[in-house]
Amino acid sequence: QRKNPFSNDDRLASKAVQTHRGDSAYGRPPEGSQTEQRGKDAHSHVGKEVEELCLIIRSTGEVGEDGHVSVTFGQLFETYVTISNKVVGILLRARKHGLVHFEGEMLWQGKDDDVIITLL
């Protein structure tokens, strides 16, 4: 809708913005919008959780022969679940950014308790 039905003002509530695949604004909220700010806040929050996860791995893990700190998923899950219930999601984000390494696509509590997670 180009006209705001909840306003008595006859001006157009928003101007239609046409973006096309390949444009820098394609698939992104308008600059300065609340949606953009919420996205930035969420990104910042997840970044802080990833940092906290790395600190927990460093403090609970053991240094191996290669100099990297490692911990089992079961041990990490028991420690970190009291902080956040999003352990696996944060681990996947940390792996995406090259901060940790573990085998497999997904980790499951109980089944993958012996999987080694290495802080890179």
N, C-alpha and C. Protein backbone atom coordinates (compact mmCIF):
# COMPACT_ATOMS: atom_id res chain seq x y z
N GLN A 1 0.85 -1.18 0.00
CA GLN A 1 0.00 0.00 0.00
C GLN A 1 0.89 1.23 0.00
N ARG A 2 0.58 2.12 -0.88
CA ARG A 2 1.36 3.34 -0.93
C ARG A 2 0.75 4.40 -0.03
N LYS A 3 -0.55 4.29 0.30
CA LYS A 3 -1.19 5.28 1.16
C LYS A 3 -1.46 4.63 2.51
N ASN A 4 -1.14 5.35 3.58
CA ASN A 4 -1.34 4.83 4.92
C ASN A 4 -2.83 4.92 5.27
N PRO A 5 -3.50 3.77 5.43
CA PRO A 5 -4.95 3.80 5.70
C PRO A 5 -5.27 4.25 7.14
N PHE A 6 -4.28 4.32 8.01
CA PHE A 6 -4.51 4.69 9.40
C PHE A 6 -4.23 6.17 9.67
N SER A 7 -3.99 6.91 8.64
CA SER A 7 -3.65 8.32 8.79
C SER A 7 -4.69 9.18 8.06
N ASN A 8 -4.99 10.32 8.65
CA ASN A 8 -5.88 11.27 7.98
C ASN A 8 -5.13 12.13 6.98
N ASP A 9 -3.82 12.02 7.03
CA ASP A 9 -2.97 12.79 6.12
C ASP A 9 -3.02 12.15 4.73
N ASP A 10 -3.22 12.96 3.71
CA ASP A 10 -3.33 12.43 2.36
C ASP A 10 -1.99 12.20 1.67
N ARG A 11 -0.89 12.56 2.33
CA ARG A 11 0.42 12.34 1.71
C ARG A 11 0.70 10.84 1.63
N LEU A 12 1.58 10.50 0.74
CA LEU A 12 1.97 9.10 0.63
C LEU A 12 2.81 8.74 1.84
N ALA A 13 2.49 7.64 2.47
CA ALA A 13 3.21 7.21 3.67
C ALA A 13 4.63 6.81 3.33
N SER A 14 4.81 6.17 2.24
CA SER A 14 6.16 5.77 1.85
C SER A 14 6.23 5.72 0.33
N LYS A 15 7.37 6.02 -0.15
CA LYS A 15 7.58 5.97 -1.59
C LYS A 15 8.09 4.58 -1.95
N ALA A 16 7.54 3.99 -2.94
CA ALA A 16 7.96 2.66 -3.34
C ALA A 16 9.41 2.70 -3.81
N VAL A 17 10.23 1.85 -3.23
CA VAL A 17 11.63 1.79 -3.60
C VAL A 17 11.84 0.52 -4.42
N GLN A 18 12.31 0.71 -5.62
CA GLN A 18 12.55 -0.42 -6.50
C GLN A 18 14.02 -0.80 -6.44
N THR A 19 14.32 -2.00 -5.94
CA THR A 19 15.68 -2.50 -5.98
C THR A 19 15.68 -3.78 -6.78
N HIS A 20 16.79 -4.04 -7.39
CA HIS A 20 16.92 -5.21 -8.24
C HIS A 20 18.11 -6.03 -7.79
N ARG A 21 18.06 -7.30 -8.07
CA ARG A 21 19.15 -8.20 -7.70
C ARG A 21 20.46 -7.62 -8.24
N GLY A 22 21.45 -7.57 -7.36
CA GLY A 22 22.74 -6.99 -7.75
C GLY A 22 22.94 -5.60 -7.17
N ASP A 23 21.84 -4.91 -6.84
CA ASP A 23 21.96 -3.59 -6.20
C ASP A 23 22.49 -3.77 -4.79
N SER A 24 23.23 -2.79 -4.29
CA SER A 24 23.77 -2.89 -2.93
C SER A 24 22.67 -2.86 -1.88
N ALA A 25 21.51 -2.28 -2.19
CA ALA A 25 20.41 -2.20 -1.22
C ALA A 25 19.43 -3.37 -1.34
N TYR A 26 19.68 -4.26 -2.29
CA TYR A 26 18.76 -5.38 -2.51
C TYR A 26 18.74 -6.30 -1.30
N GLY A 27 17.56 -6.60 -0.77
CA GLY A 27 17.42 -7.51 0.36
C GLY A 27 17.81 -6.91 1.69
N ARG A 28 17.95 -5.61 1.75
CA ARG A 28 18.34 -4.93 2.99
C ARG A 28 17.27 -3.91 3.36
N PRO A 29 17.12 -3.67 4.66
CA PRO A 29 16.14 -2.66 5.08
C PRO A 29 16.63 -1.26 4.70
N PRO A 30 15.72 -0.31 4.59
CA PRO A 30 16.13 1.06 4.26
C PRO A 30 17.08 1.62 5.31
N GLU A 31 18.06 2.38 4.86
CA GLU A 31 19.03 2.97 5.79
C GLU A 31 18.33 3.90 6.78
N GLY A 32 18.74 3.78 8.04
CA GLY A 32 18.17 4.63 9.08
C GLY A 32 16.86 4.14 9.65
N SER A 33 16.35 3.02 9.14
CA SER A 33 15.06 2.51 9.62
C SER A 33 15.24 1.76 10.93
N GLN A 34 14.13 1.55 11.64
CA GLN A 34 14.17 0.77 12.87
C GLN A 34 14.54 -0.68 12.58
N THR A 35 14.13 -1.18 11.45
CA THR A 35 14.48 -2.55 11.06
C THR A 35 15.98 -2.70 10.92
N GLU A 36 16.62 -1.73 10.30
CA GLU A 36 18.07 -1.76 10.16
C GLU A 36 18.74 -1.74 11.53
N GLN A 37 18.24 -0.90 12.43
CA GLN A 37 18.81 -0.79 13.77
C GLN A 37 18.64 -2.09 14.55
N ARG A 38 17.46 -2.72 14.44
CA ARG A 38 17.24 -4.00 15.12
C ARG A 38 18.21 -5.06 14.60
N GLY A 39 18.46 -5.07 13.31
CA GLY A 39 19.40 -6.02 12.73
C GLY A 39 20.81 -5.79 13.24
N LYS A 40 21.22 -4.53 13.34
CA LYS A 40 22.55 -4.21 13.87
C LYS A 40 22.67 -4.62 15.33
N ASP A 41 21.61 -4.38 16.10
CA ASP A 41 21.62 -4.76 17.52
C ASP A 41 21.72 -6.28 17.68
N ALA A 42 20.97 -7.02 16.86
CA ALA A 42 21.00 -8.48 16.92
C ALA A 42 22.39 -9.01 16.55
N HIS A 43 22.98 -8.43 15.52
CA HIS A 43 24.32 -8.83 15.08
C HIS A 43 25.34 -8.59 16.20
N SER A 44 25.23 -7.48 16.86
CA SER A 44 26.13 -7.15 17.96
C SER A 44 25.95 -8.12 19.12
N HIS A 45 24.69 -8.45 19.44
CA HIS A 45 24.41 -9.36 20.54
C HIS A 45 24.98 -10.76 20.26
N VAL A 46 24.80 -11.25 19.05
CA VAL A 46 25.32 -12.57 18.70
C VAL A 46 26.85 -12.55 18.74
N GLY A 47 27.46 -11.46 18.29
CA GLY A 47 28.91 -11.34 18.35
C GLY A 47 29.43 -11.43 19.78
N LYS A 48 28.72 -10.81 20.70
CA LYS A 48 29.11 -10.88 22.11
C LYS A 48 28.97 -12.30 22.65
N GLU A 49 27.92 -13.00 22.23
CA GLU A 49 27.73 -14.39 22.67
C GLU A 49 28.83 -15.29 22.12
N VAL A 50 29.28 -15.05 20.89
CA VAL A 50 30.36 -15.84 20.31
C VAL A 50 31.65 -15.59 21.11
N GLU A 51 31.92 -14.33 21.44
CA GLU A 51 33.10 -14.02 22.25
C GLU A 51 33.04 -14.72 23.60
N GLU A 52 31.87 -14.69 24.23
CA GLU A 52 31.70 -15.33 25.53
C GLU A 52 31.91 -16.84 25.43
N LEU A 53 31.41 -17.45 24.37
CA LEU A 53 31.60 -18.88 24.15
C LEU A 53 33.09 -19.20 24.03
N CYS A 54 33.83 -18.39 23.29
CA CYS A 54 35.27 -18.62 23.14
C CYS A 54 35.99 -18.50 24.48
N LEU A 55 35.56 -17.56 25.31
CA LEU A 55 36.16 -17.42 26.64
C LEU A 55 35.87 -18.64 27.51
N ILE A 56 34.66 -19.17 27.40
CA ILE A 56 34.30 -20.37 28.16
C ILE A 56 35.13 -21.56 27.70
N ILE A 57 35.31 -21.71 26.39
CA ILE A 57 36.14 -22.80 25.86
C ILE A 57 37.56 -22.66 26.38
N ARG A 58 38.09 -21.43 26.36
CA ARG A 58 39.45 -21.19 26.82
C ARG A 58 39.62 -21.53 28.30
N SER A 59 38.59 -21.19 29.11
CA SER A 59 38.71 -21.41 30.56
C SER A 59 38.44 -22.86 30.96
N THR A 60 37.58 -23.59 30.23
CA THR A 60 37.25 -24.96 30.62
C THR A 60 38.05 -26.01 29.86
N GLY A 61 38.61 -25.63 28.73
CA GLY A 61 39.32 -26.60 27.89
C GLY A 61 40.75 -26.83 28.35
N GLU A 62 41.40 -27.74 27.65
CA GLU A 62 42.78 -28.08 27.93
C GLU A 62 43.62 -27.77 26.70
N VAL A 63 44.84 -27.29 26.93
CA VAL A 63 45.75 -26.97 25.83
C VAL A 63 46.37 -28.27 25.33
N GLY A 64 46.26 -28.50 24.03
CA GLY A 64 46.80 -29.71 23.42
C GLY A 64 48.24 -29.51 22.99
N GLU A 65 48.81 -30.54 22.40
CA GLU A 65 50.19 -30.50 21.92
C GLU A 65 50.38 -29.45 20.83
N ASP A 66 49.33 -29.20 20.07
CA ASP A 66 49.43 -28.22 18.98
C ASP A 66 49.26 -26.78 19.48
N GLY A 67 49.00 -26.60 20.76
CA GLY A 67 48.84 -25.26 21.33
C GLY A 67 47.42 -24.74 21.32
N HIS A 68 46.50 -25.49 20.70
CA HIS A 68 45.09 -25.09 20.66
C HIS A 68 44.35 -25.62 21.88
N VAL A 69 43.38 -24.85 22.34
CA VAL A 69 42.55 -25.27 23.46
C VAL A 69 41.39 -26.09 22.93
N SER A 70 41.14 -27.25 23.55
CA SER A 70 40.05 -28.13 23.12
C SER A 70 39.19 -28.52 24.31
N VAL A 71 37.93 -28.78 24.02
CA VAL A 71 36.97 -29.21 25.03
C VAL A 71 35.96 -30.13 24.34
N THR A 72 35.39 -31.07 25.07
CA THR A 72 34.36 -31.91 24.48
C THR A 72 33.04 -31.14 24.46
N PHE A 73 32.18 -31.53 23.52
CA PHE A 73 30.89 -30.86 23.41
C PHE A 73 30.06 -31.06 24.68
N GLY A 74 30.13 -32.25 25.26
CA GLY A 74 29.37 -32.52 26.47
C GLY A 74 29.77 -31.60 27.62
N GLN A 75 31.08 -31.43 27.80
CA GLN A 75 31.57 -30.55 28.86
C GLN A 75 31.19 -29.10 28.58
N LEU A 76 31.33 -28.67 27.33
CA LEU A 76 30.97 -27.31 26.97
C LEU A 76 29.48 -27.08 27.14
N PHE A 77 28.68 -28.05 26.73
CA PHE A 77 27.23 -27.91 26.84
C PHE A 77 26.82 -27.74 28.30
N GLU A 78 27.37 -28.58 29.19
CA GLU A 78 27.02 -28.49 30.61
C GLU A 78 27.43 -27.16 31.21
N THR A 79 28.56 -26.62 30.78
CA THR A 79 29.04 -25.34 31.31
C THR A 79 28.26 -24.17 30.72
N TYR A 80 28.08 -24.17 29.41
CA TYR A 80 27.53 -23.00 28.73
C TYR A 80 26.01 -22.93 28.79
N VAL A 81 25.33 -24.05 28.96
CA VAL A 81 23.86 -24.04 28.93
C VAL A 81 23.30 -23.21 30.08
N THR A 82 24.05 -23.04 31.17
CA THR A 82 23.58 -22.19 32.26
C THR A 82 23.64 -20.72 31.87
N ILE A 83 24.46 -20.39 30.87
CA ILE A 83 24.58 -19.01 30.39
C ILE A 83 23.57 -18.73 29.29
N SER A 84 23.48 -19.66 28.34
CA SER A 84 22.58 -19.47 27.19
C SER A 84 22.10 -20.83 26.70
N ASN A 85 20.86 -20.86 26.24
CA ASN A 85 20.31 -22.12 25.72
C ASN A 85 20.57 -22.27 24.22
N LYS A 86 21.38 -21.40 23.64
CA LYS A 86 21.66 -21.42 22.21
C LYS A 86 23.07 -21.90 21.91
N VAL A 87 23.54 -22.90 22.66
CA VAL A 87 24.93 -23.36 22.54
C VAL A 87 25.26 -23.77 21.12
N VAL A 88 24.44 -24.61 20.52
CA VAL A 88 24.75 -25.15 19.19
C VAL A 88 24.72 -24.04 18.14
N GLY A 89 23.74 -23.16 18.21
CA GLY A 89 23.67 -22.06 17.24
C GLY A 89 24.87 -21.13 17.33
N ILE A 90 25.31 -20.85 18.53
CA ILE A 90 26.47 -19.98 18.71
C ILE A 90 27.73 -20.70 18.25
N LEU A 91 27.82 -22.01 18.49
CA LEU A 91 28.96 -22.79 17.99
C LEU A 91 29.02 -22.76 16.46
N LEU A 92 27.87 -22.92 15.82
CA LEU A 92 27.84 -22.87 14.36
C LEU A 92 28.27 -21.51 13.84
N ARG A 93 27.85 -20.44 14.50
CA ARG A 93 28.25 -19.09 14.09
C ARG A 93 29.76 -18.91 14.30
N ALA A 94 30.29 -19.40 15.42
CA ALA A 94 31.73 -19.29 15.69
C ALA A 94 32.53 -20.06 14.64
N ARG A 95 32.02 -21.24 14.22
CA ARG A 95 32.71 -22.01 13.18
C ARG A 95 32.65 -21.28 11.84
N LYS A 96 31.54 -20.65 11.55
CA LYS A 96 31.39 -19.90 10.30
C LYS A 96 32.43 -18.79 10.21
N HIS A 97 32.77 -18.20 11.36
CA HIS A 97 33.75 -17.11 11.40
C HIS A 97 35.17 -17.60 11.62
N GLY A 98 35.37 -18.94 11.63
CA GLY A 98 36.70 -19.50 11.73
C GLY A 98 37.30 -19.44 13.12
N LEU A 99 36.47 -19.37 14.16
CA LEU A 99 36.97 -19.28 15.52
C LEU A 99 37.09 -20.64 16.20
N VAL A 100 36.27 -21.61 15.80
CA VAL A 100 36.33 -22.96 16.37
C VAL A 100 36.25 -23.98 15.25
N HIS A 101 36.63 -25.22 15.59
CA HIS A 101 36.53 -26.32 14.63
C HIS A 101 35.96 -27.53 15.35
N PHE A 102 35.05 -28.23 14.69
CA PHE A 102 34.55 -29.51 15.16
C PHE A 102 34.05 -30.29 13.96
N GLU A 103 34.01 -31.60 14.10
CA GLU A 103 33.57 -32.48 13.03
C GLU A 103 32.05 -32.54 12.99
N GLY A 104 31.49 -32.67 11.80
CA GLY A 104 30.06 -32.84 11.63
C GLY A 104 29.35 -31.53 11.32
N GLU A 105 28.14 -31.69 10.82
CA GLU A 105 27.31 -30.53 10.47
C GLU A 105 26.63 -29.93 11.70
N MET A 106 26.12 -30.81 12.57
CA MET A 106 25.33 -30.38 13.72
C MET A 106 25.74 -31.21 14.92
N LEU A 107 25.63 -30.63 16.10
CA LEU A 107 25.94 -31.36 17.33
C LEU A 107 24.66 -31.58 18.12
N TRP A 108 24.50 -32.80 18.64
CA TRP A 108 23.31 -33.16 19.40
C TRP A 108 23.71 -33.55 20.81
N GLN A 109 22.98 -33.03 21.78
CA GLN A 109 23.26 -33.36 23.18
C GLN A 109 23.07 -34.86 23.39
N GLY A 110 23.99 -35.47 24.11
CA GLY A 110 23.95 -36.90 24.36
C GLY A 110 24.68 -37.69 23.28
N LYS A 111 24.26 -37.54 22.05
CA LYS A 111 24.84 -38.30 20.94
C LYS A 111 26.26 -37.82 20.63
N ASP A 112 26.50 -36.52 20.68
CA ASP A 112 27.80 -35.96 20.28
C ASP A 112 28.60 -35.42 21.46
N ASP A 113 28.35 -35.93 22.66
CA ASP A 113 29.05 -35.41 23.84
C ASP A 113 30.56 -35.58 23.77
N ASP A 114 31.05 -36.55 23.01
CA ASP A 114 32.50 -36.80 22.93
C ASP A 114 33.18 -36.08 21.77
N VAL A 115 32.45 -35.30 20.99
CA VAL A 115 33.03 -34.56 19.87
C VAL A 115 33.93 -33.46 20.43
N ILE A 116 35.13 -33.36 19.88
CA ILE A 116 36.11 -32.38 20.33
C ILE A 116 35.88 -31.05 19.61
N ILE A 117 35.80 -29.99 20.39
CA ILE A 117 35.68 -28.63 19.84
C ILE A 117 37.00 -27.93 20.11
N THR A 118 37.63 -27.43 19.07
CA THR A 118 38.93 -26.80 19.19
C THR A 118 38.82 -25.31 18.93
N LEU A 119 39.39 -24.53 19.82
CA LEU A 119 39.43 -23.07 19.66
C LEU A 119 40.60 -22.72 18.75
N LEU A 120 40.32 -22.05 17.66
CA LEU A 120 41.38 -21.73 16.68
C LEU A 120 42.04 -20.42 16.93
